[in-house]
Protein backbone atom coordinates (compact mmCIF):
# COMPACT_ATOMS: atom_id res chain seq x y z
CA UNK A 1 -0.06 -0.09 -0.24
CA UNK A 2 1.61 3.36 -0.57
CA UNK A 3 1.27 7.03 0.61
CA UNK A 4 -1.73 7.89 -1.28
CA UNK A 5 -3.53 4.92 -0.28
CA UNK A 6 -3.23 5.06 2.92
CA UNK A 7 -4.13 8.78 3.37
CA UNK A 8 -7.75 7.31 0.97
CA UNK A 9 -8.19 4.68 3.73
CA UNK A 10 -10.25 6.09 6.39
CA UNK A 11 -8.66 6.12 9.93
CA UNK A 12 -12.14 4.59 11.75
CA UNK A 13 -12.85 1.79 9.92
CA UNK A 14 -12.55 -0.89 11.36
CA UNK A 15 -14.16 0.72 14.44
CA UNK A 16 -16.93 0.92 12.62
CA UNK A 17 -16.98 -2.64 11.78
CA UNK A 18 -16.28 -3.36 15.14
CA UNK A 19 -19.25 -0.80 16.02
CA UNK A 20 -21.61 -2.92 13.54
CA UNK A 21 -21.13 -6.26 14.85
CA UNK A 22 -21.79 -4.88 18.54
CA UNK A 23 -24.57 -3.78 17.19
CA UNK A 24 -26.40 -7.36 15.19
CA UNK A 25 -24.94 -9.06 18.71
CA UNK A 26 -27.62 -6.18 20.73
CA UNK A 27 -30.12 -6.82 18.31
CA UNK A 28 -29.67 -10.77 18.66
CA UNK A 29 -29.86 -10.84 22.59
CA UNK A 30 -32.17 -8.85 22.15
CA UNK A 31 -34.18 -10.15 20.22
CA UNK A 32 -33.96 -13.14 22.29
CA UNK A 33 -34.02 -11.68 26.16
CA UNK A 34 -37.30 -10.03 24.52
CA UNK A 35 -38.81 -13.51 22.85
CA UNK A 36 -38.34 -14.95 26.86
CA UNK A 37 -38.79 -11.96 29.26
CA UNK A 38 -40.40 -9.03 27.77
CA UNK A 39 -39.45 -6.30 25.80
CA UNK A 40 -39.68 -4.47 29.44
CA UNK A 41 -36.87 -7.17 30.40
CA UNK A 42 -33.89 -5.70 32.39
CA UNK A 43 -30.75 -4.31 30.53
CA UNK A 44 -28.54 -5.78 32.02
CA UNK A 45 -29.90 -9.20 30.79
CA UNK A 46 -28.69 -8.19 27.42
CA UNK A 47 -26.07 -6.51 28.28
CA UNK A 48 -24.43 -10.59 29.25
CA UNK A 49 -27.08 -12.00 26.90
CA UNK A 50 -24.16 -10.20 24.40
CA UNK A 51 -21.38 -10.18 26.36
CA UNK A 52 -20.89 -6.32 25.99
CA UNK A 53 -21.19 -3.78 29.62
CA UNK A 54 -24.11 -1.84 30.33
CA UNK A 55 -22.48 1.66 28.00
CA UNK A 56 -22.20 -0.50 25.05
CA UNK A 57 -26.24 -1.47 25.31
CA UNK A 58 -26.66 2.35 26.56
CA UNK A 59 -24.15 3.31 23.43
CA UNK A 60 -26.22 2.51 20.81
CA UNK A 61 -29.45 2.17 22.25
CA UNK A 62 -30.27 5.68 23.98
CA UNK A 63 -33.50 4.72 24.51
CA UNK A 64 -35.36 1.38 25.49
CA UNK A 65 -37.70 2.37 22.55
CA UNK A 66 -34.54 3.05 20.43
CA UNK A 67 -33.55 -0.92 21.69
CA UNK A 68 -37.43 -2.34 20.41
CA UNK A 69 -37.24 -0.72 17.32
CA UNK A 70 -34.15 -1.66 15.58
CA UNK A 71 -35.28 -5.40 17.24
CA UNK A 72 -37.92 -4.41 15.73
CA UNK A 73 -36.25 -3.66 12.53
CA UNK A 74 -34.02 -6.20 13.10
CA UNK A 75 -36.46 -9.03 12.92
CA UNK A 76 -38.52 -7.68 10.18
CA UNK A 77 -35.63 -7.54 7.58
CA UNK A 78 -33.88 -11.11 9.13
CA UNK A 79 -37.12 -12.48 7.92
CA UNK A 80 -37.88 -10.56 4.81
CA UNK A 81 -33.70 -11.95 3.55
CA UNK A 82 -35.29 -15.67 4.45
CA UNK A 83 -37.57 -15.92 1.35
CA UNK A 84 -35.25 -15.22 -1.37
CA UNK A 85 -32.89 -17.82 -0.26
CA UNK A 86 -35.49 -20.32 0.76
CA UNK A 87 -36.13 -20.18 -2.50
CA UNK A 88 -33.03 -20.89 -4.10
CA UNK A 89 -32.55 -23.69 -1.31
CA UNK A 90 -35.31 -25.35 -1.07
CA UNK A 91 -36.40 -28.63 -2.72
CA UNK A 92 -40.60 -26.77 -4.23
CA UNK A 93 -41.02 -23.26 -4.04
CA UNK A 94 -43.69 -24.40 -1.42
CA UNK A 95 -41.56 -25.95 1.06
CA UNK A 96 -39.90 -21.97 1.11
CA UNK A 97 -43.43 -20.78 1.20
CA UNK A 98 -43.77 -23.80 3.95
CA UNK A 99 -40.43 -22.44 5.52
CA UNK A 100 -41.10 -18.79 5.38
CA UNK A 101 -44.36 -18.77 7.00
CA UNK A 102 -42.75 -20.98 10.22
CA UNK A 103 -40.32 -17.97 10.53
CA UNK A 104 -42.68 -15.49 10.15
CA UNK A 105 -45.38 -17.28 12.55
CA UNK A 106 -42.27 -17.24 14.99
CA UNK A 107 -42.15 -13.36 14.43
CA UNK A 108 -45.51 -12.80 14.98
CA UNK A 109 -46.03 -15.20 18.65
CA UNK A 110 -42.74 -14.39 19.92
CA UNK A 111 -41.79 -10.68 18.80
CA UNK A 112 -45.44 -10.20 19.89
CA UNK A 113 -44.52 -8.07 22.62
CA UNK A 114 -42.84 -5.77 20.28
CA UNK A 115 -45.79 -4.22 18.55
CA UNK A 116 -47.49 -4.03 21.82
CA UNK A 117 -44.62 -1.22 23.28
CA UNK A 118 -45.02 0.47 19.91
CA UNK A 119 -48.68 0.82 19.96
CA UNK A 120 -48.15 3.81 22.90
CA UNK A 121 -46.34 5.79 20.27
CA UNK A 122 -48.77 5.93 17.67
CA UNK A 123 -47.23 7.98 14.86
CA UNK A 124 -43.25 5.76 15.20
CA UNK A 125 -45.88 2.08 15.02
CA UNK A 126 -47.48 3.51 11.85
CA UNK A 127 -43.67 3.83 10.76
CA UNK A 128 -42.67 0.48 12.08
CA UNK A 129 -46.22 -1.37 10.95
CA UNK A 130 -45.58 0.36 7.28
CA UNK A 131 -42.13 -0.96 7.37
CA UNK A 132 -43.10 -4.55 8.34
CA UNK A 133 -45.56 -4.36 4.73
CA UNK A 134 -42.70 -2.40 2.99
CA UNK A 135 -40.39 -5.24 3.75
CA UNK A 136 -42.42 -7.95 3.94
CA UNK A 137 -45.21 -8.14 1.11
CA UNK A 138 -43.73 -8.92 -1.61
CA UNK A 139 -41.14 -11.52 -0.42
CA UNK A 140 -44.52 -13.18 0.53
CA UNK A 141 -46.28 -12.61 -2.87
CA UNK A 142 -43.20 -13.81 -4.76
CA UNK A 143 -43.08 -16.96 -2.64
CA UNK A 144 -46.48 -17.88 -3.45
CA UNK A 145 -46.13 -16.98 -6.46
CA UNK A 146 -43.73 -19.50 -7.55
CA UNK A 147 -45.56 -21.65 -5.45
CA UNK A 148 -48.97 -20.69 -8.33
CA UNK A 149 -45.90 -20.66 -11.41
CA UNK A 150 -44.59 -24.35 -9.82
CA UNK A 151 -48.75 -25.75 -9.75
CA UNK A 152 -48.03 -26.90 -5.78
CA UNK A 153 -51.06 -24.09 -5.21
CA UNK A 154 -54.18 -22.23 -6.21
CA UNK A 155 -53.19 -18.75 -8.09
CA UNK A 156 -54.59 -14.84 -7.21
CA UNK A 157 -53.92 -15.72 -3.88
CA UNK A 158 -53.34 -11.67 -2.02
CA UNK A 159 -50.04 -12.07 0.12
CA UNK A 160 -51.71 -9.02 2.56
CA UNK A 161 -54.97 -11.26 2.91
CA UNK A 162 -52.72 -14.72 3.33
CA UNK A 163 -50.08 -12.67 5.55
CA UNK A 164 -53.17 -10.79 7.28
CA UNK A 165 -55.07 -14.58 7.93
CA UNK A 166 -51.26 -16.36 9.58
CA UNK A 167 -51.54 -12.66 11.76
CA UNK A 168 -55.08 -13.60 12.69
CA UNK A 169 -54.71 -16.89 14.19
CA UNK A 170 -51.50 -15.69 16.10
CA UNK A 171 -53.50 -14.17 18.19
CA UNK A 172 -52.87 -15.11 21.66
CA UNK A 173 -50.40 -17.85 20.91
CA UNK A 174 -47.96 -16.30 23.26
CA UNK A 175 -50.16 -16.21 26.60
CA UNK A 176 -52.15 -19.41 26.15
CA UNK A 177 -50.31 -22.50 26.24
CA UNK A 178 -53.56 -24.46 24.72
CA UNK A 179 -53.30 -22.45 21.71
CA UNK A 180 -51.01 -23.94 18.90
CA UNK A 181 -51.11 -21.49 16.48
CA UNK A 182 -48.49 -22.81 14.38
CA UNK A 183 -50.85 -26.13 13.54
CA UNK A 184 -53.63 -24.06 12.28
CA UNK A 185 -50.96 -22.05 9.78
CA UNK A 186 -49.91 -25.14 8.93
CA UNK A 187 -53.96 -26.10 8.07
CA UNK A 188 -54.12 -22.48 6.06
CA UNK A 189 -50.91 -23.65 4.30
CA UNK A 190 -51.91 -26.97 3.42
CA UNK A 191 -54.88 -25.84 2.55
CA UNK A 192 -53.35 -24.16 0.08
CA UNK A 193 -51.95 -27.31 -2.07
CA UNK A 194 -54.32 -27.60 -5.53
CA UNK A 195 -55.58 -31.08 -5.55
CA UNK A 196 -52.77 -34.38 -7.55
């Protein structure tokens, strides 16, 4: 590397990578803690799960709302990115759809407290709900279209209605151990299949 290359290199490049890595670790840890203990879990539990000090948590997320919003977005992004990946790695488009629906149900059931916590700030919740739809509707549409094009399911199913139906089946699943939303959603997905 010559002197000119050194002068254009950002002196805090590695620092930024470390900061991004720390932030991702924090988001993963917070998502896990929120799923088991709720969004009001102590910050010290999140810091311990991430293996960092509490100062690191507050440096990245000054308020609990900042952390909740970031976790919600992080989880939506993970679900959105999974769809295309599943289409390339699953044996059939219907298998990809089934696996993605499982991930979507996991998101809805385990992250329900996130949405509840955000509803207190109506404008913020509307923004996140729009983000949720903007990211996930195209993915669901892609999966449904691929399964329909392969002849595995009926065509013409609207992704919004499908996702809304899944969401409705998931209501209460996080608070009633006798209710198995996953089983009902699996029946819904099985019902999409075209008769052989």
